[in-house]
Protein backbone atom coordinates (compact mmCIF):
# COMPACT_ATOMS: atom_id res chain seq x y z
CA MET A 1 17.92 -24.66 0.83
CA GLY A 2 17.24 -22.76 -2.37
CA MET A 3 13.74 -21.42 -2.83
CA ASN A 4 12.33 -23.26 -5.79
CA PRO A 5 8.82 -21.90 -6.55
CA GLY A 6 7.72 -25.35 -7.76
CA ALA A 7 8.86 -27.15 -4.61
CA SER A 8 6.72 -27.42 -1.52
CA PRO A 9 8.65 -26.16 1.50
CA ALA A 10 8.52 -28.07 4.75
CA PRO A 11 6.70 -26.55 7.74
CA CYS A 12 8.90 -24.35 9.89
CA PRO A 13 8.99 -23.05 13.45
CA PRO A 14 8.76 -19.25 13.92
CA LEU A 15 12.29 -18.60 12.61
CA VAL A 16 14.48 -21.20 10.91
CA ARG A 17 17.70 -20.80 8.97
CA SER A 18 18.71 -23.31 6.38
CA ALA A 19 22.20 -24.18 5.22
CA GLY A 20 21.63 -22.19 2.03
CA GLY A 21 20.92 -18.96 3.89
CA ALA A 22 17.14 -18.99 3.47
CA VAL A 23 14.93 -18.06 6.40
CA CYS A 24 11.39 -19.14 7.16
CA LEU A 25 9.10 -16.93 9.25
CA THR A 26 5.75 -18.06 10.58
CA VAL A 27 3.27 -15.19 10.54
CA ASP A 28 0.08 -15.12 12.63
CA LEU A 29 -2.83 -13.91 10.49
CA GLY A 30 -4.59 -12.84 13.67
CA VAL A 31 -1.95 -10.12 13.97
CA TYR A 32 -1.18 -9.32 10.33
CA ALA A 33 -3.58 -9.24 7.39
CA LEU A 34 -2.58 -11.32 4.38
CA ALA A 35 -2.55 -8.15 2.26
CA ALA A 36 -0.11 -6.49 4.68
CA VAL A 37 2.27 -9.46 4.57
CA LEU A 38 2.18 -9.64 0.78
CA ARG A 39 2.77 -5.90 0.41
CA ALA A 40 5.71 -6.07 2.81
CA CYS A 41 7.25 -8.94 0.82
CA TYR A 42 6.66 -7.13 -2.46
CA LYS A 43 8.39 -4.01 -1.19
CA LEU A 44 11.57 -6.02 -0.57
CA THR A 45 11.55 -8.13 -3.76
CA GLY A 46 14.45 -6.11 -5.16
CA ARG A 47 16.66 -7.44 -2.36
CA ALA A 48 15.24 -10.88 -1.60
CA PHE A 49 13.31 -13.81 -3.04
CA PHE A 50 10.06 -14.70 -1.28
CA LEU A 51 7.75 -17.64 -1.16
CA VAL A 52 4.55 -17.32 0.87
CA ARG A 53 2.60 -20.39 1.85
CA ARG A 54 -0.42 -20.90 4.09
CA GLU A 55 0.45 -23.31 6.86
CA SER A 56 -3.04 -23.28 8.39
CA PRO A 57 -6.07 -20.97 8.31
CA GLN A 58 -4.35 -18.67 10.84
CA LEU A 59 -0.67 -19.09 9.95
CA LEU A 60 1.49 -18.16 6.96
CA GLN A 61 4.99 -19.28 6.18
CA VAL A 62 7.21 -16.67 4.56
CA PHE A 63 10.41 -18.04 3.05
CA LEU A 64 13.04 -15.38 2.39
CA GLN A 65 16.39 -15.66 0.67
CA ALA A 66 18.72 -12.72 -0.03
CA ARG A 67 19.35 -12.01 -3.71
CA SER A 68 22.91 -10.95 -2.98
CA THR A 69 25.52 -11.98 -0.45
CA ASN A 70 25.92 -8.26 0.30
CA ASP A 71 22.49 -8.26 1.98
CA GLY A 72 22.60 -9.88 5.38
CA THR A 73 19.68 -12.17 6.09
CA ASP A 74 19.30 -10.81 9.62
CA ALA A 75 18.91 -7.28 8.28
CA LEU A 76 16.39 -8.43 5.66
CA VAL A 77 14.34 -10.27 8.29
CA GLY A 78 14.35 -7.13 10.43
CA GLU A 79 13.31 -4.97 7.48
CA LEU A 80 10.58 -7.43 6.53
CA THR A 81 9.11 -7.50 10.03
CA ASN A 82 9.21 -3.69 10.26
CA GLU A 83 7.61 -3.40 6.83
CA MET A 84 4.90 -5.89 7.83
CA LEU A 85 4.07 -3.67 10.80
CA ASP A 86 4.01 -0.57 8.60
CA GLN A 87 1.77 -2.26 6.04
CA GLN A 88 -0.56 -3.55 8.76
CA ILE A 89 -1.00 -0.01 10.14
CA ARG A 90 -1.71 1.26 6.61
CA HIS A 91 -4.20 -1.58 6.08
CA SER A 92 -6.00 -0.81 9.36
CA LEU A 93 -6.14 2.92 8.63
CA ALA A 94 -7.49 2.28 5.14
CA ARG A 95 -10.30 0.17 6.60
CA GLU A 96 -11.12 2.80 9.21
CA THR A 97 -11.05 5.79 6.87
CA GLY A 98 -12.30 4.04 3.72
CA PRO A 99 -15.87 5.40 3.87
CA PHE A 100 -14.58 8.98 4.17
CA ARG A 101 -12.10 8.50 1.33
CA ASP A 102 -14.84 7.04 -0.87
CA LEU A 103 -17.18 9.96 -0.12
CA ILE A 104 -14.46 12.51 -0.92
CA ALA A 105 -13.64 10.75 -4.19
CA ALA A 106 -17.32 10.45 -5.13
CA GLN A 107 -17.87 14.15 -4.40
CA ALA A 108 -14.82 15.12 -6.46
CA PHE A 109 -16.14 13.31 -9.52
CA ALA A 110 -19.86 14.03 -9.04
CA GLU A 111 -21.60 16.58 -11.23
CA GLY A 112 -23.52 17.92 -8.27
CA ASN A 113 -23.03 18.20 -4.55
CA LEU A 114 -23.62 14.84 -2.88
CA LEU A 115 -23.94 16.33 0.60
CA ASP A 116 -26.15 19.34 -0.14
CA GLY A 117 -28.39 18.94 -3.18
CA ASP A 118 -29.98 22.37 -2.72
CA ARG A 119 -26.65 24.12 -3.11
CA ASP A 120 -26.39 23.37 -6.81
CA ASP A 121 -30.10 23.74 -7.64
CA GLY A 122 -30.52 27.13 -5.97
CA ASP A 123 -30.76 30.41 -7.85
CA TYR A 124 -28.39 33.13 -6.73
CA ARG A 125 -31.12 35.74 -7.16
CA ALA A 126 -33.46 33.88 -4.79
CA ASP A 127 -30.67 33.60 -2.18
CA PRO A 128 -32.34 30.70 -0.26
CA ARG A 129 -29.66 30.75 2.43
CA GLY A 130 -29.67 34.49 2.92
CA ILE A 131 -26.03 34.85 2.11
CA GLY A 132 -26.47 38.22 0.43
CA ARG A 133 -28.43 39.83 3.31
CA HIS A 134 -26.81 42.52 5.40
CA ARG A 135 -26.38 41.60 9.02
């Protein structure tokens, strides 16, 4: 089975090999985010052709075919699944740390201090924090 982008692939079980060397993986969107799956596929586009299709609201079909006979399909499937896991972890971390990253970026580009407005408005001669006092 060649992967023709215009053709509609048939539904597949979790892992199916066709006579043409293509493989179809069914991916549970309850485990992997769509963005993680797409990033994983994109990372391997130099070595394989991909077609991603939604089978149902919770399932994706990922059709993979090696670009070269030098690349074994089993190895590509293994790399894809590992990359999906890596991308899912990155996706989860980005969601968890996003507010901190946004605050750091906003502070870096802000003209003043977003966390302590008095710091930039203070006069060094007035020394409102008592930094210059002897202890």
